[in-house]
Protein backbone atom coordinates (compact mmCIF):
# COMPACT_ATOMS: atom_id res chain seq x y z
CA UNK A 1 2.31 -14.66 29.11
CA UNK A 2 2.38 -12.52 32.19
CA UNK A 3 5.83 -11.32 31.21
CA UNK A 4 4.44 -9.79 28.04
CA UNK A 5 1.36 -8.28 29.71
CA UNK A 6 3.32 -6.49 32.49
CA UNK A 7 4.86 -3.75 30.37
CA UNK A 8 1.48 -3.04 28.77
CA UNK A 9 -0.12 -2.67 32.29
CA UNK A 10 2.65 -0.30 33.24
CA UNK A 11 2.02 1.86 30.10
CA UNK A 12 -1.64 2.23 30.96
CA UNK A 13 -0.82 2.91 34.62
CA UNK A 14 1.64 5.62 33.65
CA UNK A 15 -1.06 7.28 31.34
CA UNK A 16 -3.57 7.21 34.16
CA UNK A 17 -1.23 8.76 36.62
CA UNK A 18 -0.29 11.47 34.26
CA UNK A 19 -4.01 12.33 33.58
CA UNK A 20 -4.73 12.30 37.38
CA UNK A 21 -1.74 14.63 37.84
CA UNK A 22 -3.08 17.24 35.41
CA UNK A 23 -6.63 16.89 36.77
CA UNK A 24 -5.21 17.74 40.19
CA UNK A 25 -3.34 20.73 38.73
CA UNK A 26 -6.57 21.92 37.11
CA UNK A 27 -8.52 21.51 40.35
CA UNK A 28 -5.81 23.32 42.39
CA UNK A 29 -5.78 26.32 39.88
CA UNK A 30 -9.59 26.55 40.18
CA UNK A 31 -9.36 26.41 43.91
CA UNK A 32 -6.67 29.17 43.98
CA UNK A 33 -8.48 31.43 41.49
CA UNK A 34 -11.71 30.81 43.26
CA UNK A 35 -13.95 32.41 40.59
CA UNK A 36 -16.46 30.19 38.76
CA UNK A 37 -16.69 32.60 35.88
CA UNK A 38 -12.87 32.63 35.15
CA UNK A 39 -12.28 28.93 35.85
CA UNK A 40 -14.18 25.91 37.20
CA UNK A 41 -12.61 22.71 38.33
CA UNK A 42 -12.85 19.32 36.65
CA UNK A 43 -15.58 18.10 38.97
CA UNK A 44 -17.87 21.01 38.12
CA UNK A 45 -17.17 20.53 34.41
CA UNK A 46 -17.90 16.81 34.55
CA UNK A 47 -21.13 17.56 36.64
CA UNK A 48 -22.24 20.10 34.00
CA UNK A 49 -21.53 17.48 31.20
CA UNK A 50 -23.74 14.92 33.10
CA UNK A 51 -26.43 17.49 33.38
CA UNK A 52 -26.16 18.24 29.58
CA UNK A 53 -26.53 14.55 28.83
CA UNK A 54 -29.99 14.35 30.40
CA UNK A 55 -31.24 17.23 28.20
CA UNK A 56 -33.93 16.10 25.81
CA UNK A 57 -32.05 17.54 22.80
CA UNK A 58 -28.51 16.34 23.86
CA UNK A 59 -28.25 13.33 21.38
CA UNK A 60 -29.72 15.45 18.69
CA UNK A 61 -27.10 18.01 19.07
CA UNK A 62 -24.34 15.35 19.12
CA UNK A 63 -25.67 13.53 16.09
CA UNK A 64 -26.21 16.61 13.95
CA UNK A 65 -22.64 17.92 14.50
CA UNK A 66 -21.29 14.34 14.12
CA UNK A 67 -23.01 13.89 10.88
CA UNK A 68 -22.04 17.32 9.39
CA UNK A 69 -18.38 17.06 10.39
CA UNK A 70 -18.10 13.32 9.70
CA UNK A 71 -19.82 13.55 6.23
CA UNK A 72 -17.49 16.35 5.22
CA UNK A 73 -14.47 14.32 6.52
CA UNK A 74 -15.43 11.12 4.61
CA UNK A 75 -16.30 12.83 1.40
CA UNK A 76 -12.92 14.55 1.57
CA UNK A 77 -11.19 11.24 2.32
CA UNK A 78 -12.78 9.37 -0.63
CA UNK A 79 -12.64 12.19 -3.15
CA UNK A 80 -9.06 13.16 -2.17
CA UNK A 81 -7.92 9.62 -2.46
CA UNK A 82 -9.65 8.99 -5.81
CA UNK A 83 -8.37 12.16 -7.34
CA UNK A 84 -4.99 11.52 -6.05
CA UNK A 85 -4.85 8.13 -7.59
CA UNK A 86 -6.05 9.40 -10.91
CA UNK A 87 -3.49 12.21 -10.74
CA UNK A 88 -0.75 9.72 -10.11
CA UNK A 89 -2.02 7.61 -13.08
CA UNK A 90 -2.38 10.64 -15.26
CA UNK A 91 0.31 13.28 -14.32
CA UNK A 92 -1.41 16.04 -16.45
CA UNK A 93 -4.14 15.98 -13.75
CA UNK A 94 -1.58 16.65 -10.97
CA UNK A 95 -0.35 19.64 -12.97
CA UNK A 96 -3.91 20.85 -13.64
CA UNK A 97 -5.02 20.69 -9.92
CA UNK A 98 -1.72 21.93 -8.57
CA UNK A 99 -2.93 25.59 -8.39
CA UNK A 100 -6.21 24.62 -6.79
CA UNK A 101 -4.55 22.60 -4.06
CA UNK A 102 -2.02 25.42 -3.43
CA UNK A 103 -4.90 27.82 -2.99
CA UNK A 104 -6.88 25.43 -0.70
CA UNK A 105 -3.86 25.19 1.59
CA UNK A 106 -3.03 28.79 1.74
CA UNK A 107 -6.33 30.62 1.81
CA UNK A 108 -7.24 31.34 5.53
CA UNK A 109 -10.17 29.31 6.97
CA UNK A 110 -11.88 32.53 8.02
CA UNK A 111 -12.09 33.61 4.33
CA UNK A 112 -13.79 30.28 3.56
CA UNK A 113 -16.16 30.65 6.47
CA UNK A 114 -17.44 34.10 5.25
CA UNK A 115 -17.80 33.11 1.67
CA UNK A 116 -19.64 29.90 2.60
CA UNK A 117 -21.91 31.78 4.92
CA UNK A 118 -22.89 33.96 1.94
CA UNK A 119 -23.21 31.07 -0.55
CA UNK A 120 -24.87 28.31 1.47
CA UNK A 121 -25.75 29.76 4.91
CA UNK A 122 -24.89 28.34 8.29
CA UNK A 123 -26.54 24.91 8.15
CA UNK A 124 -23.91 23.25 6.11
CA UNK A 125 -21.01 25.42 7.10
CA UNK A 126 -19.21 22.80 9.26
CA UNK A 127 -19.55 20.20 6.48
CA UNK A 128 -17.83 22.39 3.95
CA UNK A 129 -15.13 23.53 6.17
CA UNK A 130 -14.31 20.01 7.38
CA UNK A 131 -14.13 18.95 3.63
CA UNK A 132 -11.80 21.90 2.66
CA UNK A 133 -9.42 21.24 5.54
CA UNK A 134 -9.00 17.45 4.94
CA UNK A 135 -9.38 17.21 1.12
CA UNK A 136 -5.89 18.83 0.00
CA UNK A 137 -4.04 16.81 2.78
CA UNK A 138 -5.49 13.52 1.59
CA UNK A 139 -4.93 14.42 -2.06
CA UNK A 140 -1.22 15.41 -1.62
CA UNK A 141 -0.36 12.39 0.55
CA UNK A 142 -2.08 9.92 -1.81
CA UNK A 143 -0.01 11.05 -4.73
CA UNK A 144 3.13 10.93 -2.54
CA UNK A 145 2.24 7.42 -1.37
CA UNK A 146 1.70 6.10 -4.89
CA UNK A 147 4.84 7.67 -6.01
CA UNK A 148 6.76 5.90 -3.17
CA UNK A 149 5.86 2.49 -4.69
CA UNK A 150 9.07 0.35 -5.29
CA UNK A 151 9.93 0.82 -9.00
CA UNK A 152 11.41 -2.68 -9.04
CA UNK A 153 8.24 -4.18 -7.88
CA UNK A 154 6.39 -2.36 -10.67
CA UNK A 155 8.87 -3.74 -13.19
CA UNK A 156 8.20 -7.25 -11.82
CA UNK A 157 4.41 -6.73 -12.06
CA UNK A 158 4.83 -5.67 -15.69
CA UNK A 159 6.90 -8.86 -16.48
CA UNK A 160 4.40 -11.17 -14.73
CA UNK A 161 1.19 -9.35 -15.94
CA UNK A 162 0.04 -8.38 -12.45
CA UNK A 163 -2.55 -5.76 -13.25
CA UNK A 164 -5.71 -4.18 -11.95
CA UNK A 165 -6.80 -4.87 -8.29
CA UNK A 166 -3.97 -7.40 -7.68
CA UNK A 167 -1.42 -4.59 -8.49
CA UNK A 168 -3.42 -2.11 -6.36
CA UNK A 169 -3.78 -4.25 -3.24
CA UNK A 170 -0.39 -5.93 -3.21
CA UNK A 171 2.01 -3.23 -4.55
CA UNK A 172 0.51 0.10 -4.22
CA UNK A 173 -1.46 -0.37 -1.02
CA UNK A 174 1.69 -1.15 1.25
CA UNK A 175 3.29 1.96 -0.26
CA UNK A 176 0.54 4.47 0.30
CA UNK A 177 -0.84 3.25 3.61
CA UNK A 178 1.88 4.83 5.80
CA UNK A 179 1.34 8.25 4.05
CA UNK A 180 -2.52 7.92 4.41
CA UNK A 181 -2.30 7.03 8.08
CA UNK A 182 0.07 9.92 8.83
CA UNK A 183 -2.17 12.29 6.91
CA UNK A 184 -5.26 11.08 8.77
CA UNK A 185 -3.78 11.43 12.20
CA UNK A 186 -3.32 15.15 11.51
CA UNK A 187 -6.48 15.76 9.45
CA UNK A 188 -8.83 13.98 11.83
CA UNK A 189 -8.20 16.45 14.64
CA UNK A 190 -8.19 19.45 12.34
CA UNK A 191 -11.53 18.53 10.88
CA UNK A 192 -13.19 18.61 14.27
CA UNK A 193 -11.45 21.84 15.39
CA UNK A 194 -12.27 23.63 12.15
CA UNK A 195 -15.78 22.15 12.07
CA UNK A 196 -16.80 23.11 15.65
CA UNK A 197 -15.22 26.50 15.07
CA UNK A 198 -17.44 27.06 11.97
CA UNK A 199 -20.46 26.11 14.00
CA UNK A 200 -19.53 28.62 16.62
CA UNK A 201 -19.41 31.37 13.98
CA UNK A 202 -22.48 30.12 11.95
CA UNK A 203 -24.48 28.90 14.93
CA UNK A 204 -26.64 26.34 13.15
CA UNK A 205 -29.43 25.00 15.29
CA UNK A 206 -28.68 21.73 17.17
CA UNK A 207 -24.92 21.99 16.96
CA UNK A 208 -22.07 21.76 19.45
CA UNK A 209 -20.81 25.15 18.18
CA UNK A 210 -24.17 26.76 19.06
CA UNK A 211 -24.09 25.33 22.69
CA UNK A 212 -20.45 26.64 23.09
CA UNK A 213 -21.59 30.16 21.99
CA UNK A 214 -24.62 30.20 24.25
CA UNK A 215 -22.44 29.07 27.24
CA UNK A 216 -20.09 31.98 26.39
CA UNK A 217 -23.07 34.56 26.34
CA UNK A 218 -24.42 33.45 29.71
CA UNK A 219 -20.88 33.28 31.26
CA UNK A 220 -21.59 29.56 31.93
CA UNK A 221 -17.94 28.54 32.31
CA UNK A 222 -18.83 25.11 33.60
CA UNK A 223 -21.05 24.50 30.53
CA UNK A 224 -18.36 25.77 28.35
CA UNK A 225 -15.92 23.32 29.73
CA UNK A 226 -18.45 20.55 29.56
CA UNK A 227 -19.22 21.05 25.81
CA UNK A 228 -15.51 21.36 25.19
CA UNK A 229 -14.86 18.00 26.88
CA UNK A 230 -17.56 16.44 24.75
CA UNK A 231 -15.97 17.73 21.58
CA UNK A 232 -12.65 16.34 22.70
CA UNK A 233 -14.24 12.97 23.53
CA UNK A 234 -16.12 12.83 20.20
CA UNK A 235 -12.98 13.80 18.27
CA UNK A 236 -10.96 11.08 20.09
CA UNK A 237 -13.55 8.34 19.52
CA UNK A 238 -13.98 9.37 15.82
CA UNK A 239 -10.29 9.38 15.24
CA UNK A 240 -9.87 5.90 16.78
CA UNK A 241 -12.78 4.48 14.86
CA UNK A 242 -11.59 5.85 11.47
CA UNK A 243 -7.94 4.85 12.04
CA UNK A 244 -9.09 1.38 13.09
CA UNK A 245 -11.11 0.97 9.80
CA UNK A 246 -8.05 2.43 7.71
CA UNK A 247 -5.61 0.14 9.35
CA UNK A 248 -7.88 -2.86 9.01
CA UNK A 249 -8.02 -2.04 5.27
CA UNK A 250 -4.23 -1.94 5.17
CA UNK A 251 -3.97 -5.29 7.01
CA UNK A 252 -6.69 -6.98 4.97
CA UNK A 253 -5.45 -9.76 2.72
CA UNK A 254 -7.82 -9.86 -0.23
CA UNK A 255 -8.60 -12.94 -2.25
CA UNK A 256 -6.01 -13.31 -5.06
CA UNK A 257 -8.21 -13.22 -8.01
CA UNK A 258 -7.15 -14.87 -11.27
CA UNK A 259 -7.74 -13.04 -14.54
CA UNK A 260 -7.23 -14.44 -17.92
CA UNK A 261 -4.64 -12.20 -19.83
CA UNK A 262 -5.49 -11.14 -23.31
CA UNK A 263 -3.86 -13.56 -25.67
CA UNK A 264 -3.49 -16.42 -23.28
CA UNK A 265 -5.36 -19.62 -24.09
CA UNK A 266 -6.60 -22.21 -21.54
CA UNK A 267 -3.88 -24.35 -22.69
CA UNK A 268 -1.12 -21.89 -21.80
CA UNK A 269 -2.81 -21.40 -18.29
CA UNK A 270 -3.06 -25.10 -17.53
CA UNK A 271 0.36 -25.87 -18.75
CA UNK A 272 3.27 -24.40 -20.81
CA UNK A 273 4.05 -24.14 -24.43
CA UNK A 274 7.32 -24.42 -26.14
CA UNK A 275 8.37 -21.01 -27.34
CA UNK A 276 9.93 -20.45 -30.73
CA UNK A 277 13.53 -19.61 -31.20
CA UNK A 278 14.52 -16.15 -29.89
CA UNK A 279 16.57 -14.12 -32.40
CA UNK A 280 18.62 -11.20 -31.09
CA UNK A 281 19.76 -9.05 -34.08
CA UNK A 282 22.41 -6.46 -33.64
CA UNK A 283 20.88 -4.77 -30.59
CA UNK A 284 22.64 -1.75 -28.87
CA UNK A 285 21.89 -0.07 -25.68
CA UNK A 286 23.43 2.99 -23.97
CA UNK A 287 22.88 4.79 -20.71
CA UNK A 288 23.77 8.45 -20.44
CA UNK A 289 26.05 8.16 -23.39
CA UNK A 290 27.84 5.03 -22.13
CA UNK A 291 27.61 2.08 -24.40
CA UNK A 292 26.54 -1.17 -22.63
CA UNK A 293 25.63 -3.35 -25.62
CA UNK A 294 26.73 -2.82 -29.07
CA UNK A 295 25.56 -4.78 -32.22
CA UNK A 296 25.00 -7.93 -30.14
CA UNK A 297 23.46 -10.89 -31.94
CA UNK A 298 22.55 -14.27 -30.88
CA UNK A 299 19.90 -17.10 -31.46
CA UNK A 300 18.45 -19.17 -28.67
CA UNK A 301 16.90 -22.31 -30.12
CA UNK A 302 13.55 -23.42 -28.58
CA UNK A 303 14.09 -25.60 -25.49
CA UNK A 304 17.79 -24.69 -25.20
CA UNK A 305 19.56 -24.06 -21.89
CA UNK A 306 21.88 -21.04 -22.11
CA UNK A 307 24.31 -19.72 -19.47
CA UNK A 308 25.44 -16.18 -20.16
CA UNK A 309 28.90 -15.47 -18.65
CA UNK A 310 30.66 -12.11 -18.73
CA UNK A 311 32.41 -9.75 -16.32
CA UNK A 312 30.31 -7.48 -14.13
CA UNK A 313 29.24 -4.35 -16.00
CA UNK A 314 29.38 -5.89 -19.37
CA UNK A 315 25.59 -5.80 -20.05
CA UNK A 316 24.18 -9.11 -18.86
CA UNK A 317 21.37 -7.59 -16.81
CA UNK A 318 20.70 -5.12 -19.56
CA UNK A 319 20.24 -7.95 -22.07
CA UNK A 320 17.83 -9.67 -19.72
CA UNK A 321 15.77 -6.40 -19.20
CA UNK A 322 15.54 -6.04 -22.99
CA UNK A 323 14.32 -9.65 -23.36
CA UNK A 324 11.80 -9.03 -20.46
CA UNK A 325 10.47 -5.97 -22.29
CA UNK A 326 11.27 -3.75 -19.37
CA UNK A 327 13.36 -1.57 -21.70
CA UNK A 328 13.77 -1.15 -25.48
CA UNK A 329 17.06 -1.39 -27.37
CA UNK A 330 18.32 1.76 -28.96
CA UNK A 331 18.77 -0.15 -32.23
CA UNK A 332 18.44 -3.65 -33.47
CA UNK A 333 15.56 -6.12 -32.77
CA UNK A 334 14.53 -9.05 -30.71
CA UNK A 335 12.15 -11.47 -32.20
CA UNK A 336 10.40 -14.69 -30.97
CA UNK A 337 10.06 -13.75 -27.30
CA UNK A 338 6.67 -15.09 -26.10
CA UNK A 339 4.01 -13.07 -24.44
CA UNK A 340 4.48 -14.72 -21.12
CA UNK A 341 7.98 -14.66 -19.48
CA UNK A 342 9.17 -16.04 -16.19
CA UNK A 343 11.98 -13.81 -14.77
CA UNK A 344 14.20 -14.13 -11.74
CA UNK A 345 15.61 -10.59 -11.21
CA UNK A 346 19.04 -9.83 -9.76
CA UNK A 347 17.06 -8.73 -6.72
CA UNK A 348 14.36 -10.90 -5.24
CA UNK A 349 11.56 -8.33 -5.87
CA UNK A 350 9.04 -9.90 -3.50
CA UNK A 351 6.07 -8.33 -1.72
CA UNK A 352 7.60 -8.13 1.67
CA UNK A 353 4.51 -8.23 3.80
CA UNK A 354 3.03 -11.37 2.22
CA UNK A 355 3.94 -14.97 2.50
CA UNK A 356 5.58 -17.03 -0.04
CA UNK A 357 2.38 -18.65 -1.30
CA UNK A 358 0.77 -15.31 -1.89
CA UNK A 359 3.80 -14.06 -3.77
CA UNK A 360 3.83 -16.95 -6.14
CA UNK A 361 0.01 -16.94 -6.58
CA UNK A 362 0.21 -13.24 -7.80
CA UNK A 363 2.12 -14.33 -10.84
CA UNK A 364 0.18 -17.53 -11.66
CA UNK A 365 -2.48 -17.10 -14.43
CA UNK A 366 -5.72 -19.12 -14.36
CA UNK A 367 -8.97 -19.09 -16.16
CA UNK A 368 -11.42 -16.77 -14.45
CA UNK A 369 -14.43 -18.52 -12.90
CA UNK A 370 -17.50 -16.33 -12.82
CA UNK A 371 -18.85 -17.84 -9.68
CA UNK A 372 -17.43 -16.60 -6.43
CA UNK A 373 -17.36 -20.00 -4.70
CA UNK A 374 -15.72 -21.50 -7.72
CA UNK A 375 -12.99 -18.88 -7.69
CA UNK A 376 -12.24 -19.54 -3.93
CA UNK A 377 -12.12 -23.37 -4.59
CA UNK A 378 -9.76 -22.69 -7.54
CA UNK A 379 -7.61 -20.49 -5.28
CA UNK A 380 -7.43 -23.09 -2.57
CA UNK A 381 -6.43 -25.80 -5.04
CA UNK A 382 -3.81 -23.48 -6.56
CA UNK A 383 -2.40 -22.67 -3.08
CA UNK A 384 -2.15 -26.38 -2.28
CA UNK A 385 -0.32 -26.98 -5.55
CA UNK A 386 2.10 -24.14 -4.95
CA UNK A 387 2.76 -25.45 -1.33
CA UNK A 388 3.60 -28.87 -2.63
CA UNK A 389 6.06 -27.43 -5.23
CA UNK A 390 7.59 -25.22 -2.57
CA UNK A 391 8.21 -28.17 -0.35
CA UNK A 392 10.55 -29.59 -2.95
CA UNK A 393 13.07 -26.75 -2.41
CA UNK A 394 12.07 -25.02 0.76
CA UNK A 395 11.40 -26.09 4.45
CA UNK A 396 7.69 -26.17 5.37
CA UNK A 397 7.99 -23.94 8.30
CA UNK A 398 8.77 -20.95 6.14
CA UNK A 399 5.89 -21.07 3.70
CA UNK A 400 3.34 -19.17 5.81
CA UNK A 401 5.80 -16.43 7.16
CA UNK A 402 6.02 -12.94 5.53
CA UNK A 403 9.02 -12.96 3.24
CA UNK A 404 10.77 -10.21 5.18
CA UNK A 405 11.28 -12.81 7.85
CA UNK A 406 12.92 -15.29 5.53
CA UNK A 407 16.65 -15.68 5.00
CA UNK A 408 18.27 -14.53 1.78
CA UNK A 409 18.47 -18.04 0.35
CA UNK A 410 14.76 -18.82 1.07
CA UNK A 411 13.75 -15.51 -0.56
CA UNK A 412 15.84 -16.35 -3.63
CA UNK A 413 14.18 -19.76 -3.99
CA UNK A 414 10.72 -18.00 -3.57
CA UNK A 415 11.68 -15.78 -6.58
CA UNK A 416 12.66 -18.98 -8.56
CA UNK A 417 9.49 -20.71 -7.73
CA UNK A 418 7.41 -17.71 -8.77
CA UNK A 419 9.14 -17.75 -12.26
CA UNK A 420 8.86 -21.49 -12.59
CA UNK A 421 5.05 -21.66 -11.82
CA UNK A 422 4.05 -18.37 -13.65
CA UNK A 423 2.88 -20.31 -16.77
CA UNK A 424 5.75 -18.72 -18.71
CA UNK A 425 6.85 -20.11 -22.05
CA UNK A 426 10.54 -18.87 -21.54
CA UNK A 427 12.52 -18.49 -18.32
CA UNK A 428 15.04 -15.83 -17.78
CA UNK A 429 17.18 -15.83 -14.61
CA UNK A 430 19.74 -13.31 -13.47
CA UNK A 431 22.23 -15.03 -11.16
CA UNK A 432 19.51 -17.18 -9.60
CA UNK A 433 21.70 -19.07 -7.15
CA UNK A 434 23.05 -16.06 -5.30
CA UNK A 435 22.78 -16.57 -1.57
CA UNK A 436 22.38 -20.39 -1.90
CA UNK A 437 24.79 -22.91 -0.29
CA UNK A 438 26.08 -25.79 -2.27
CA UNK A 439 23.34 -28.27 -1.38
CA UNK A 440 20.45 -25.76 -1.91
CA UNK A 441 22.12 -24.71 -5.18
CA UNK A 442 22.08 -28.32 -6.46
CA UNK A 443 18.54 -29.08 -5.20
CA UNK A 444 17.23 -25.92 -6.90
CA UNK A 445 19.14 -26.58 -10.16
CA UNK A 446 17.51 -30.15 -10.19
CA UNK A 447 14.17 -28.68 -9.55
CA UNK A 448 14.50 -26.26 -12.38
CA UNK A 449 15.54 -28.95 -14.92
CA UNK A 450 12.85 -31.30 -13.83
CA UNK A 451 10.15 -28.55 -14.48
CA UNK A 452 11.37 -26.91 -17.62
CA UNK A 453 9.00 -29.07 -19.73
CA UNK A 454 10.74 -28.07 -22.92
CA UNK A 455 10.90 -24.27 -22.18
CA UNK A 456 13.92 -22.17 -23.21
CA UNK A 457 16.13 -21.24 -20.25
CA UNK A 458 18.55 -18.28 -20.10
CA UNK A 459 20.69 -17.90 -16.83
CA UNK A 460 23.34 -15.37 -16.21
CA UNK A 461 26.21 -16.62 -13.84
CA UNK A 462 29.77 -16.09 -12.86
CA UNK A 463 30.36 -19.73 -11.99
CA UNK A 464 31.55 -22.49 -14.43
CA UNK A 465 29.83 -25.04 -12.09
CA UNK A 466 26.41 -23.54 -12.75
CA UNK A 467 26.74 -24.49 -16.48
CA UNK A 468 27.08 -28.09 -15.58
CA UNK A 469 24.41 -27.95 -12.95
CA UNK A 470 21.95 -26.72 -15.47
CA UNK A 471 23.19 -28.80 -18.41
CA UNK A 472 23.69 -25.55 -20.21
CA UNK A 473 25.31 -24.12 -23.11
CA UNK A 474 27.76 -21.23 -22.62
CA UNK A 475 26.91 -17.98 -24.07
CA UNK A 476 29.34 -15.02 -24.18
CA UNK A 477 28.64 -11.27 -24.60
């Protein structure tokens, strides 16, 4: 334990020594200039700060400036994020607001200050300036963060009917949080600098800007430094508090809420139903003019096990994407595919920052319980059930680790478990045994067969042995 603490202590010691060095430089410069109007030393500045703190109106000044600038910042944060999220959802809004954001970022702050003084007076000037500085940055970075969400995860969410808050918290949130934090690290300091500068110009009563201006009029350099140090301290504490709250939101693991999907009955949630035959009739699909599938037809009988074998690039994955409703065929039709599909993609497509249990629970539908305590009990029962199922094909020490710490084979089995427990009526797996050794391959194949419960299974593979493992029927493209 001491070994881990030592580097952290060294970092703090280094920071303290650096600060002391510059304080000494400051004090030396003050001593050499020897003019209290031009420059005072750190001790005089700190003494003036302590003197200001015993003023009867000190905390009133601090709170008024903090409320004005803080309120403008938080309003910009929430409105910028909400408008950014809606603009991502409805691209026409991004186009509509694009000229406004360009204007807000390019118009000088001084122009805003003059206009706002004319329109609203000085009392709320720092509030508006803080808002106008932060709002466009949050808006632009929110859109960029949402657009950075992994397309493959969004396709996975579409297949497994992961919607609403579950999609927001577990797919979008990890994508936009780095953008939001980076934006806030810049915007927090800018909001305080611009807000206090606006107060210096407008001089509203009981404001830090007013005290800075008065110190300048009376050539009170010590007071000027004292109020400046206070602004720096408030800005630092405000930044740390906001970033702590935002990062806590990013690290928060919300309750995995279950919602009843439209068209799903209680029976389909508690168990599985045998899907009807799936009829593929003369489907064709091309990408950029290159034909991948052409007039392909096949019928999968209900409850059948089918192993699709074909050379790489012949359209196996494309066929599975069409069956999973991720894409539409150029021509032809696919009939009989049930509403709920369990799919193992060629990639694992897992939420990297969450453990195996959470990844599986996201895809599991259950009847919504209106009572909060009931929902939590239901979630606990479902987590226990998933854990017991996972132990059949995975070691217990990996179940509570984030999936980015797991090996490729463990991640693959997690993806298979998600498909098996998703309440799907048909299972589609794209080379599900990639990355598994022979013993894990056999154990996983046995698990799949034992838990099919009459469901139709379609698997793509390059190995003849997999057909025997899954008791499958060969299917050629």
